[in-house]
Amino acid sequence: YYYEFNTTRPPFNDVRVRKALNMALDKDIIAEKVLGQGQRPAWLIS
């Protein structure tokens, strides 16, 4: 499960913005508390 950025225009044509949003998500909380059905935090697309 992932969010797709529109990288063709600002602000998401800047890799720093994309990386910042990725790093600031607490994926453990999303996987274990928000979902809580055995999902794992996703740090890779695969």
ModelCIF file with pLDDT and N, C-alpha, C, O atoms, coordinates in Angstrom:
data_MODEL
#
_entry.id   MODEL 
#
_entity.id                         1 
_entity.type                       polymer 
_entity.pdbx_number_of_molecules   1 
#
_entity_poly.entity_id                      1 
_entity_poly.type                           'polypeptide(L)' 
_entity_poly.nstd_linkage                   no 
_entity_poly.nstd_monomer                   no 
_entity_poly.pdbx_seq_one_letter_code       YYYEFNTTRPPFNDVRVRKALNMALDKDIIAEKVLGQGQRPAWLIS 
_entity_poly.pdbx_seq_one_letter_code_can   YYYEFNTTRPPFNDVRVRKALNMALDKDIIAEKVLGQGQRPAWLIS 
_entity_poly.pdbx_strand_id                 A 
#
loop_
_entity_poly_seq.entity_id 
_entity_poly_seq.num 
_entity_poly_seq.mon_id 
_entity_poly_seq.hetero 
1 1  TYR n 
1 2  TYR n 
1 3  TYR n 
1 4  GLU n 
1 5  PHE n 
1 6  ASN n 
1 7  THR n 
1 8  THR n 
1 9  ARG n 
1 10 PRO n 
1 11 PRO n 
1 12 PHE n 
1 13 ASN n 
1 14 ASP n 
1 15 VAL n 
1 16 ARG n 
1 17 VAL n 
1 18 ARG n 
1 19 LYS n 
1 20 ALA n 
1 21 LEU n 
1 22 ASN n 
1 23 MET n 
1 24 ALA n 
1 25 LEU n 
1 26 ASP n 
1 27 LYS n 
1 28 ASP n 
1 29 ILE n 
1 30 ILE n 
1 31 ALA n 
1 32 GLU n 
1 33 LYS n 
1 34 VAL n 
1 35 LEU n 
1 36 GLY n 
1 37 GLN n 
1 38 GLY n 
1 39 GLN n 
1 40 ARG n 
1 41 PRO n 
1 42 ALA n 
1 43 TRP n 
1 44 LEU n 
1 45 ILE n 
1 46 SER n 
#
_struct_asym.id          A 
_struct_asym.entity_id   1 
#
loop_
_ma_qa_metric.id 
_ma_qa_metric.mode 
_ma_qa_metric.name 
_ma_qa_metric.software_group_id 
_ma_qa_metric.type 
1 global pLDDT . pLDDT 
2 local  pLDDT . pLDDT 
#
_ma_qa_metric_global.metric_id      1 
_ma_qa_metric_global.metric_value   93.00 
_ma_qa_metric_global.model_id       1 
_ma_qa_metric_global.ordinal_id     1 
#
loop_
_ma_qa_metric_local.label_asym_id 
_ma_qa_metric_local.label_comp_id 
_ma_qa_metric_local.label_seq_id 
_ma_qa_metric_local.metric_id 
_ma_qa_metric_local.metric_value 
_ma_qa_metric_local.model_id 
_ma_qa_metric_local.ordinal_id 
A TYR 1  2 93.00 1 1  
A TYR 2  2 94.00 1 2  
A TYR 3  2 95.00 1 3  
A GLU 4  2 94.00 1 4  
A PHE 5  2 95.00 1 5  
A ASN 6  2 94.00 1 6  
A THR 7  2 95.00 1 7  
A THR 8  2 94.00 1 8  
A ARG 9  2 92.00 1 9  
A PRO 10 2 93.00 1 10 
A PRO 11 2 94.00 1 11 
A PHE 12 2 96.00 1 12 
A ASN 13 2 96.00 1 13 
A ASP 14 2 97.00 1 14 
A VAL 15 2 97.00 1 15 
A ARG 16 2 97.00 1 16 
A VAL 17 2 97.00 1 17 
A ARG 18 2 97.00 1 18 
A LYS 19 2 96.00 1 19 
A ALA 20 2 97.00 1 20 
A LEU 21 2 97.00 1 21 
A ASN 22 2 96.00 1 22 
A MET 23 2 96.00 1 23 
A ALA 24 2 96.00 1 24 
A LEU 25 2 96.00 1 25 
A ASP 26 2 96.00 1 26 
A LYS 27 2 95.00 1 27 
A ASP 28 2 95.00 1 28 
A ILE 29 2 95.00 1 29 
A ILE 30 2 95.00 1 30 
A ALA 31 2 93.00 1 31 
A GLU 32 2 90.00 1 32 
A LYS 33 2 90.00 1 33 
A VAL 34 2 91.00 1 34 
A LEU 35 2 88.00 1 35 
A GLY 36 2 85.00 1 36 
A GLN 37 2 85.00 1 37 
A GLY 38 2 83.00 1 38 
A GLN 39 2 90.00 1 39 
A ARG 40 2 89.00 1 40 
A PRO 41 2 93.00 1 41 
A ALA 42 2 92.00 1 42 
A TRP 43 2 92.00 1 43 
A LEU 44 2 89.00 1 44 
A ILE 45 2 86.00 1 45 
A SER 46 2 82.00 1 46 
#
loop_
_atom_site.group_PDB 
_atom_site.id 
_atom_site.type_symbol 
_atom_site.label_atom_id 
_atom_site.label_alt_id 
_atom_site.label_comp_id 
_atom_site.label_asym_id 
_atom_site.label_entity_id 
_atom_site.label_seq_id 
_atom_site.pdbx_PDB_ins_code 
_atom_site.Cartn_x 
_atom_site.Cartn_y 
_atom_site.Cartn_z 
_atom_site.occupancy 
_atom_site.B_iso_or_equiv 
_atom_site.pdbx_formal_charge 
_atom_site.auth_seq_id 
_atom_site.auth_comp_id 
_atom_site.auth_asym_id 
_atom_site.auth_atom_id 
_atom_site.pdbx_PDB_model_num 
ATOM 1   N N  . TYR A 1 1  ? 0.868  -1.190 0.000   1.00 93.00 ? 1  TYR A N  1 
ATOM 2   C CA . TYR A 1 1  ? 0.000  0.000  0.000   1.00 93.00 ? 1  TYR A CA 1 
ATOM 3   C C  . TYR A 1 1  ? 0.896  1.229  0.000   1.00 93.00 ? 1  TYR A C  1 
ATOM 4   O O  . TYR A 1 1  ? 1.749  1.382  0.874   1.00 93.00 ? 1  TYR A O  1 
ATOM 5   N N  . TYR A 1 2  ? 0.702  2.099  -0.975  1.00 94.00 ? 2  TYR A N  1 
ATOM 6   C CA . TYR A 1 2  ? 1.551  3.291  -1.035  1.00 94.00 ? 2  TYR A CA 1 
ATOM 7   C C  . TYR A 1 2  ? 0.786  4.459  -1.643  1.00 94.00 ? 2  TYR A C  1 
ATOM 8   O O  . TYR A 1 2  ? -0.218 4.264  -2.328  1.00 94.00 ? 2  TYR A O  1 
ATOM 9   N N  . TYR A 1 3  ? 1.271  5.684  -1.388  1.00 95.00 ? 3  TYR A N  1 
ATOM 10  C CA . TYR A 1 3  ? 0.732  6.876  -2.035  1.00 95.00 ? 3  TYR A CA 1 
ATOM 11  C C  . TYR A 1 3  ? 1.627  7.248  -3.202  1.00 95.00 ? 3  TYR A C  1 
ATOM 12  O O  . TYR A 1 3  ? 2.854  7.203  -3.104  1.00 95.00 ? 3  TYR A O  1 
ATOM 13  N N  . GLU A 1 4  ? 0.992  7.616  -4.309  1.00 94.00 ? 4  GLU A N  1 
ATOM 14  C CA . GLU A 1 4  ? 1.751  7.954  -5.517  1.00 94.00 ? 4  GLU A CA 1 
ATOM 15  C C  . GLU A 1 4  ? 1.780  9.472  -5.683  1.00 94.00 ? 4  GLU A C  1 
ATOM 16  O O  . GLU A 1 4  ? 0.734  10.121 -5.696  1.00 94.00 ? 4  GLU A O  1 
ATOM 17  N N  . PHE A 1 5  ? 2.976  10.030 -5.808  1.00 95.00 ? 5  PHE A N  1 
ATOM 18  C CA . PHE A 1 5  ? 3.133  11.476 -5.991  1.00 95.00 ? 5  PHE A CA 1 
ATOM 19  C C  . PHE A 1 5  ? 3.026  11.824 -7.476  1.00 95.00 ? 5  PHE A C  1 
ATOM 20  O O  . PHE A 1 5  ? 3.439  11.046 -8.336  1.00 95.00 ? 5  PHE A O  1 
ATOM 21  N N  . ASN A 1 6  ? 2.471  12.995 -7.764  1.00 94.00 ? 6  ASN A N  1 
ATOM 22  C CA . ASN A 1 6  ? 2.540  13.506 -9.134  1.00 94.00 ? 6  ASN A CA 1 
ATOM 23  C C  . ASN A 1 6  ? 3.886  14.217 -9.293  1.00 94.00 ? 6  ASN A C  1 
ATOM 24  O O  . ASN A 1 6  ? 4.033  15.387 -8.942  1.00 94.00 ? 6  ASN A O  1 
ATOM 25  N N  . THR A 1 7  ? 4.864  13.478 -9.832  1.00 95.00 ? 7  THR A N  1 
ATOM 26  C CA . THR A 1 7  ? 6.248  13.994 -9.885  1.00 95.00 ? 7  THR A CA 1 
ATOM 27  C C  . THR A 1 7  ? 6.475  14.934 -11.062 1.00 95.00 ? 7  THR A C  1 
ATOM 28  O O  . THR A 1 7  ? 7.596  15.396 -11.273 1.00 95.00 ? 7  THR A O  1 
ATOM 29  N N  . THR A 1 8  ? 5.409  15.230 -11.844 1.00 94.00 ? 8  THR A N  1 
ATOM 30  C CA . THR A 1 8  ? 5.611  16.098 -13.023 1.00 94.00 ? 8  THR A CA 1 
ATOM 31  C C  . THR A 1 8  ? 5.519  17.573 -12.673 1.00 94.00 ? 8  THR A C  1 
ATOM 32  O O  . THR A 1 8  ? 5.843  18.425 -13.500 1.00 94.00 ? 8  THR A O  1 
ATOM 33  N N  . ARG A 1 9  ? 5.068  17.898 -11.421 1.00 92.00 ? 9  ARG A N  1 
ATOM 34  C CA . ARG A 1 9  ? 4.948  19.325 -11.073 1.00 92.00 ? 9  ARG A CA 1 
ATOM 35  C C  . ARG A 1 9  ? 5.273  19.553 -9.599  1.00 92.00 ? 9  ARG A C  1 
ATOM 36  O O  . ARG A 1 9  ? 5.242  18.616 -8.801  1.00 92.00 ? 9  ARG A O  1 
ATOM 37  N N  . PRO A 1 10 ? 5.587  20.807 -9.237  1.00 93.00 ? 10 PRO A N  1 
ATOM 38  C CA . PRO A 1 10 ? 5.889  21.104 -7.829  1.00 93.00 ? 10 PRO A CA 1 
ATOM 39  C C  . PRO A 1 10 ? 4.685  20.782 -6.946  1.00 93.00 ? 10 PRO A C  1 
ATOM 40  O O  . PRO A 1 10 ? 3.554  20.849 -7.426  1.00 93.00 ? 10 PRO A O  1 
ATOM 41  N N  . PRO A 1 11 ? 4.888  20.432 -5.659  1.00 94.00 ? 11 PRO A N  1 
ATOM 42  C CA . PRO A 1 11 ? 6.195  20.330 -4.981  1.00 94.00 ? 11 PRO A CA 1 
ATOM 43  C C  . PRO A 1 11 ? 6.861  18.963 -5.156  1.00 94.00 ? 11 PRO A C  1 
ATOM 44  O O  . PRO A 1 11 ? 7.987  18.765 -4.702  1.00 94.00 ? 11 PRO A O  1 
ATOM 45  N N  . PHE A 1 12 ? 6.174  18.014 -5.812  1.00 96.00 ? 12 PHE A N  1 
ATOM 46  C CA . PHE A 1 12 ? 6.659  16.621 -5.777  1.00 96.00 ? 12 PHE A CA 1 
ATOM 47  C C  . PHE A 1 12 ? 7.678  16.290 -6.862  1.00 96.00 ? 12 PHE A C  1 
ATOM 48  O O  . PHE A 1 12 ? 8.116  15.145 -6.976  1.00 96.00 ? 12 PHE A O  1 
ATOM 49  N N  . ASN A 1 13 ? 8.058  17.290 -7.659  1.00 96.00 ? 13 ASN A N  1 
ATOM 50  C CA . ASN A 1 13 ? 9.175  17.050 -8.581  1.00 96.00 ? 13 ASN A CA 1 
ATOM 51  C C  . ASN A 1 13 ? 10.506 17.208 -7.848  1.00 96.00 ? 13 ASN A C  1 
ATOM 52  O O  . ASN A 1 13 ? 11.570 17.036 -8.441  1.00 96.00 ? 13 ASN A O  1 
ATOM 53  N N  . ASP A 1 14 ? 10.440 17.541 -6.537  1.00 97.00 ? 14 ASP A N  1 
ATOM 54  C CA . ASP A 1 14 ? 11.638 17.677 -5.706  1.00 97.00 ? 14 ASP A CA 1 
ATOM 55  C C  . ASP A 1 14 ? 11.767 16.426 -4.816  1.00 97.00 ? 14 ASP A C  1 
ATOM 56  O O  . ASP A 1 14 ? 10.916 16.170 -3.965  1.00 97.00 ? 14 ASP A O  1 
ATOM 57  N N  . VAL A 1 15 ? 12.830 15.665 -5.025  1.00 97.00 ? 15 VAL A N  1 
ATOM 58  C CA . VAL A 1 15 ? 13.025 14.396 -4.298  1.00 97.00 ? 15 VAL A CA 1 
ATOM 59  C C  . VAL A 1 15 ? 13.086 14.623 -2.782  1.00 97.00 ? 15 VAL A C  1 
ATOM 60  O O  . VAL A 1 15 ? 12.718 13.741 -2.007  1.00 97.00 ? 15 VAL A O  1 
ATOM 61  N N  . ARG A 1 16 ? 13.551 15.806 -2.362  1.00 97.00 ? 16 ARG A N  1 
ATOM 62  C CA . ARG A 1 16 ? 13.668 16.072 -0.916  1.00 97.00 ? 16 ARG A CA 1 
ATOM 63  C C  . ARG A 1 16 ? 12.291 16.120 -0.258  1.00 97.00 ? 16 ARG A C  1 
ATOM 64  O O  . ARG A 1 16 ? 12.121 15.667 0.874   1.00 97.00 ? 16 ARG A O  1 
ATOM 65  N N  . VAL A 1 17 ? 11.317 16.667 -0.969  1.00 97.00 ? 17 VAL A N  1 
ATOM 66  C CA . VAL A 1 17 ? 9.948  16.739 -0.436  1.00 97.00 ? 17 VAL A CA 1 
ATOM 67  C C  . VAL A 1 17 ? 9.372  15.332 -0.302  1.00 97.00 ? 17 VAL A C  1 
ATOM 68  O O  . VAL A 1 17 ? 8.767  14.996 0.716   1.00 97.00 ? 17 VAL A O  1 
ATOM 69  N N  . ARG A 1 18 ? 9.562  14.519 -1.329  1.00 97.00 ? 18 ARG A N  1 
ATOM 70  C CA . ARG A 1 18 ? 9.033  13.143 -1.318  1.00 97.00 ? 18 ARG A CA 1 
ATOM 71  C C  . ARG A 1 18 ? 9.670  12.348 -0.180  1.00 97.00 ? 18 ARG A C  1 
ATOM 72  O O  . ARG A 1 18 ? 8.991  11.614 0.538   1.00 97.00 ? 18 ARG A O  1 
ATOM 73  N N  . LYS A 1 19 ? 10.976 12.504 -0.032  1.00 96.00 ? 19 LYS A N  1 
ATOM 74  C CA . LYS A 1 19 ? 11.696 11.747 1.001   1.00 96.00 ? 19 LYS A CA 1 
ATOM 75  C C  . LYS A 1 19 ? 11.276 12.189 2.404   1.00 96.00 ? 19 LYS A C  1 
ATOM 76  O O  . LYS A 1 19 ? 11.128 11.363 3.305   1.00 96.00 ? 19 LYS A O  1 
ATOM 77  N N  . ALA A 1 20 ? 11.087 13.497 2.578   1.00 97.00 ? 20 ALA A N  1 
ATOM 78  C CA . ALA A 1 20 ? 10.688 14.036 3.884   1.00 97.00 ? 20 ALA A CA 1 
ATOM 79  C C  . ALA A 1 20 ? 9.327  13.466 4.304   1.00 97.00 ? 20 ALA A C  1 
ATOM 80  O O  . ALA A 1 20 ? 9.149  13.052 5.449   1.00 97.00 ? 20 ALA A O  1 
ATOM 81  N N  . LEU A 1 21 ? 8.373  13.447 3.373   1.00 97.00 ? 21 LEU A N  1 
ATOM 82  C CA . LEU A 1 21 ? 7.039  12.933 3.696   1.00 97.00 ? 21 LEU A CA 1 
ATOM 83  C C  . LEU A 1 21 ? 7.101  11.438 4.016   1.00 97.00 ? 21 LEU A C  1 
ATOM 84  O O  . LEU A 1 21 ? 6.393  10.958 4.901   1.00 97.00 ? 21 LEU A O  1 
ATOM 85  N N  . ASN A 1 22 ? 7.934  10.723 3.307   1.00 96.00 ? 22 ASN A N  1 
ATOM 86  C CA . ASN A 1 22 ? 8.098  9.282  3.558   1.00 96.00 ? 22 ASN A CA 1 
ATOM 87  C C  . ASN A 1 22 ? 8.667  9.038  4.961   1.00 96.00 ? 22 ASN A C  1 
ATOM 88  O O  . ASN A 1 22 ? 8.181  8.183  5.702   1.00 96.00 ? 22 ASN A O  1 
ATOM 89  N N  . MET A 1 23 ? 9.707  9.806  5.309   1.00 96.00 ? 23 MET A N  1 
ATOM 90  C CA . MET A 1 23 ? 10.390 9.589  6.594   1.00 96.00 ? 23 MET A CA 1 
ATOM 91  C C  . MET A 1 23 ? 9.528  9.987  7.788   1.00 96.00 ? 23 MET A C  1 
ATOM 92  O O  . MET A 1 23 ? 9.676  9.428  8.874   1.00 96.00 ? 23 MET A O  1 
ATOM 93  N N  . ALA A 1 24 ? 8.618  10.961 7.590   1.00 96.00 ? 24 ALA A N  1 
ATOM 94  C CA . ALA A 1 24 ? 7.836  11.472 8.715   1.00 96.00 ? 24 ALA A CA 1 
ATOM 95  C C  . ALA A 1 24 ? 6.590  10.636 9.018   1.00 96.00 ? 24 ALA A C  1 
ATOM 96  O O  . ALA A 1 24 ? 5.852  10.934 9.957   1.00 96.00 ? 24 ALA A O  1 
ATOM 97  N N  . LEU A 1 25 ? 6.359  9.588  8.219   1.00 96.00 ? 25 LEU A N  1 
ATOM 98  C CA . LEU A 1 25 ? 5.233  8.686  8.511   1.00 96.00 ? 25 LEU A CA 1 
ATOM 99  C C  . LEU A 1 25 ? 5.682  7.629  9.509   1.00 96.00 ? 25 LEU A C  1 
ATOM 100 O O  . LEU A 1 25 ? 6.724  7.004  9.316   1.00 96.00 ? 25 LEU A O  1 
ATOM 101 N N  . ASP A 1 26 ? 4.914  7.420  10.570  1.00 96.00 ? 26 ASP A N  1 
ATOM 102 C CA . ASP A 1 26 ? 5.214  6.331  11.499  1.00 96.00 ? 26 ASP A CA 1 
ATOM 103 C C  . ASP A 1 26 ? 4.539  5.062  10.973  1.00 96.00 ? 26 ASP A C  1 
ATOM 104 O O  . ASP A 1 26 ? 3.384  4.775  11.286  1.00 96.00 ? 26 ASP A O  1 
ATOM 105 N N  . LYS A 1 27 ? 5.286  4.321  10.175  1.00 95.00 ? 27 LYS A N  1 
ATOM 106 C CA . LYS A 1 27 ? 4.704  3.161  9.479   1.00 95.00 ? 27 LYS A CA 1 
ATOM 107 C C  . LYS A 1 27 ? 4.354  2.024  10.435  1.00 95.00 ? 27 LYS A C  1 
ATOM 108 O O  . LYS A 1 27 ? 3.457  1.224  10.168  1.00 95.00 ? 27 LYS A O  1 
ATOM 109 N N  . ASP A 1 28 ? 5.083  1.968  11.564  1.00 95.00 ? 28 ASP A N  1 
ATOM 110 C CA . ASP A 1 28 ? 4.748  0.931  12.564  1.00 95.00 ? 28 ASP A CA 1 
ATOM 111 C C  . ASP A 1 28 ? 3.343  1.151  13.111  1.00 95.00 ? 28 ASP A C  1 
ATOM 112 O O  . ASP A 1 28 ? 2.573  0.205  13.277  1.00 95.00 ? 28 ASP A O  1 
ATOM 113 N N  . ILE A 1 29 ? 3.017  2.419  13.391  1.00 95.00 ? 29 ILE A N  1 
ATOM 114 C CA . ILE A 1 29 ? 1.675  2.726  13.920  1.00 95.00 ? 29 ILE A CA 1 
ATOM 115 C C  . ILE A 1 29 ? 0.609  2.426  12.872  1.00 95.00 ? 29 ILE A C  1 
ATOM 116 O O  . ILE A 1 29 ? -0.442 1.873  13.195  1.00 95.00 ? 29 ILE A O  1 
ATOM 117 N N  . ILE A 1 30 ? 0.880  2.795  11.597  1.00 95.00 ? 30 ILE A N  1 
ATOM 118 C CA . ILE A 1 30 ? -0.113 2.528  10.536  1.00 95.00 ? 30 ILE A CA 1 
ATOM 119 C C  . ILE A 1 30 ? -0.336 1.022  10.391  1.00 95.00 ? 30 ILE A C  1 
ATOM 120 O O  . ILE A 1 30 ? -1.477 0.568  10.296  1.00 95.00 ? 30 ILE A O  1 
ATOM 121 N N  . ALA A 1 31 ? 0.759  0.242  10.372  1.00 93.00 ? 31 ALA A N  1 
ATOM 122 C CA . ALA A 1 31 ? 0.635  -1.215 10.171  1.00 93.00 ? 31 ALA A CA 1 
ATOM 123 C C  . ALA A 1 31 ? -0.018 -1.901 11.371  1.00 93.00 ? 31 ALA A C  1 
ATOM 124 O O  . ALA A 1 31 ? -0.909 -2.736 11.216  1.00 93.00 ? 31 ALA A O  1 
ATOM 125 N N  . GLU A 1 32 ? 0.440  -1.533 12.571  1.00 90.00 ? 32 GLU A N  1 
ATOM 126 C CA . GLU A 1 32 ? 0.015  -2.301 13.756  1.00 90.00 ? 32 GLU A CA 1 
ATOM 127 C C  . GLU A 1 32 ? -1.244 -1.765 14.431  1.00 90.00 ? 32 GLU A C  1 
ATOM 128 O O  . GLU A 1 32 ? -2.036 -2.538 14.970  1.00 90.00 ? 32 GLU A O  1 
ATOM 129 N N  . LYS A 1 33 ? -1.435 -0.420 14.403  1.00 90.00 ? 33 LYS A N  1 
ATOM 130 C CA . LYS A 1 33 ? -2.574 0.156  15.138  1.00 90.00 ? 33 LYS A CA 1 
ATOM 131 C C  . LYS A 1 33 ? -3.725 0.558  14.203  1.00 90.00 ? 33 LYS A C  1 
ATOM 132 O O  . LYS A 1 33 ? -4.880 0.207  14.442  1.00 90.00 ? 33 LYS A O  1 
ATOM 133 N N  . VAL A 1 34 ? -3.392 1.297  13.139  1.00 91.00 ? 34 VAL A N  1 
ATOM 134 C CA . VAL A 1 34 ? -4.448 1.769  12.231  1.00 91.00 ? 34 VAL A CA 1 
ATOM 135 C C  . VAL A 1 34 ? -5.052 0.588  11.473  1.00 91.00 ? 34 VAL A C  1 
ATOM 136 O O  . VAL A 1 34 ? -6.268 0.525  11.288  1.00 91.00 ? 34 VAL A O  1 
ATOM 137 N N  . LEU A 1 35 ? -4.203 -0.355 11.030  1.00 88.00 ? 35 LEU A N  1 
ATOM 138 C CA . LEU A 1 35 ? -4.683 -1.528 10.284  1.00 88.00 ? 35 LEU A CA 1 
ATOM 139 C C  . LEU A 1 35 ? -4.817 -2.743 11.204  1.00 88.00 ? 35 LEU A C  1 
ATOM 140 O O  . LEU A 1 35 ? -5.921 -3.247 11.409  1.00 88.00 ? 35 LEU A O  1 
ATOM 141 N N  . GLY A 1 36 ? -3.699 -3.211 11.754  1.00 85.00 ? 36 GLY A N  1 
ATOM 142 C CA . GLY A 1 36 ? -3.743 -4.253 12.777  1.00 85.00 ? 36 GLY A CA 1 
ATOM 143 C C  . GLY A 1 36 ? -4.309 -5.596 12.352  1.00 85.00 ? 36 GLY A C  1 
ATOM 144 O O  . GLY A 1 36 ? -4.955 -6.279 13.147  1.00 85.00 ? 36 GLY A O  1 
ATOM 145 N N  . GLN A 1 37 ? -4.069 -5.987 11.085  1.00 85.00 ? 37 GLN A N  1 
ATOM 146 C CA . GLN A 1 37 ? -4.536 -7.309 10.635  1.00 85.00 ? 37 GLN A CA 1 
ATOM 147 C C  . GLN A 1 37 ? -3.353 -8.171 10.191  1.00 85.00 ? 37 GLN A C  1 
ATOM 148 O O  . GLN A 1 37 ? -3.508 -9.102 9.401   1.00 85.00 ? 37 GLN A O  1 
ATOM 149 N N  . GLY A 1 38 ? -2.163 -7.840 10.717  1.00 83.00 ? 38 GLY A N  1 
ATOM 150 C CA . GLY A 1 38 ? -0.975 -8.609 10.332  1.00 83.00 ? 38 GLY A CA 1 
ATOM 151 C C  . GLY A 1 38 ? -0.119 -7.908 9.293   1.00 83.00 ? 38 GLY A C  1 
ATOM 152 O O  . GLY A 1 38 ? 0.867  -8.475 8.820   1.00 83.00 ? 38 GLY A O  1 
ATOM 153 N N  . GLN A 1 39 ? -0.489 -6.655 8.923   1.00 90.00 ? 39 GLN A N  1 
ATOM 154 C CA . GLN A 1 39 ? 0.317  -5.916 7.947   1.00 90.00 ? 39 GLN A CA 1 
ATOM 155 C C  . GLN A 1 39 ? 1.687  -5.572 8.518   1.00 90.00 ? 39 GLN A C  1 
ATOM 156 O O  . GLN A 1 39 ? 1.872  -5.486 9.732   1.00 90.00 ? 39 GLN A O  1 
ATOM 157 N N  . ARG A 1 40 ? 2.657  -5.374 7.600   1.00 89.00 ? 40 ARG A N  1 
ATOM 158 C CA . ARG A 1 40 ? 4.013  -5.005 8.015   1.00 89.00 ? 40 ARG A CA 1 
ATOM 159 C C  . ARG A 1 40 ? 4.339  -3.604 7.499   1.00 89.00 ? 40 ARG A C  1 
ATOM 160 O O  . ARG A 1 40 ? 3.832  -3.205 6.451   1.00 89.00 ? 40 ARG A O  1 
ATOM 161 N N  . PRO A 1 41 ? 5.183  -2.842 8.222   1.00 93.00 ? 41 PRO A N  1 
ATOM 162 C CA . PRO A 1 41 ? 5.590  -1.518 7.709   1.00 93.00 ? 41 PRO A CA 1 
ATOM 163 C C  . PRO A 1 41 ? 6.280  -1.680 6.348   1.00 93.00 ? 41 PRO A C  1 
ATOM 164 O O  . PRO A 1 41 ? 7.110  -2.572 6.176   1.00 93.00 ? 41 PRO A O  1 
ATOM 165 N N  . ALA A 1 42 ? 5.940  -0.824 5.393   1.00 92.00 ? 42 ALA A N  1 
ATOM 166 C CA . ALA A 1 42 ? 6.502  -0.945 4.034   1.00 92.00 ? 42 ALA A CA 1 
ATOM 167 C C  . ALA A 1 42 ? 7.591  0.099  3.813   1.00 92.00 ? 42 ALA A C  1 
ATOM 168 O O  . ALA A 1 42 ? 7.305  1.291  3.701   1.00 92.00 ? 42 ALA A O  1 
ATOM 169 N N  . TRP A 1 43 ? 8.824  -0.350 3.752   1.00 92.00 ? 43 TRP A N  1 
ATOM 170 C CA . TRP A 1 43 ? 9.941  0.552  3.444   1.00 92.00 ? 43 TRP A CA 1 
ATOM 171 C C  . TRP A 1 43 ? 10.417 0.376  2.009   1.00 92.00 ? 43 TRP A C  1 
ATOM 172 O O  . TRP A 1 43 ? 11.286 1.108  1.535   1.00 92.00 ? 43 TRP A O  1 
ATOM 173 N N  . LEU A 1 44 ? 9.834  -0.604 1.326   1.00 89.00 ? 44 LEU A N  1 
ATOM 174 C CA . LEU A 1 44 ? 10.191 -0.881 -0.073  1.00 89.00 ? 44 LEU A CA 1 
ATOM 175 C C  . LEU A 1 44 ? 8.905  -1.019 -0.869  1.00 89.00 ? 44 LEU A C  1 
ATOM 176 O O  . LEU A 1 44 ? 7.858  -1.353 -0.315  1.00 89.00 ? 44 LEU A O  1 
ATOM 177 N N  . ILE A 1 45 ? 8.984  -0.760 -2.172  1.00 86.00 ? 45 ILE A N  1 
ATOM 178 C CA . ILE A 1 45 ? 7.804  -0.937 -3.020  1.00 86.00 ? 45 ILE A CA 1 
ATOM 179 C C  . ILE A 1 45 ? 7.514  -2.428 -3.221  1.00 86.00 ? 45 ILE A C  1 
ATOM 180 O O  . ILE A 1 45 ? 6.355  -2.820 -3.358  1.00 86.00 ? 45 ILE A O  1 
ATOM 181 N N  . SER A 1 46 ? 8.560  -3.257 -3.240  1.00 82.00 ? 46 SER A N  1 
ATOM 182 C CA . SER A 1 46 ? 8.382  -4.704 -3.400  1.00 82.00 ? 46 SER A CA 1 
ATOM 183 C C  . SER A 1 46 ? 8.340  -5.384 -2.035  1.00 82.00 ? 46 SER A C  1 
ATOM 184 O O  . SER A 1 46 ? 8.197  -6.605 -1.958  1.00 82.00 ? 46 SER A O  1 
#
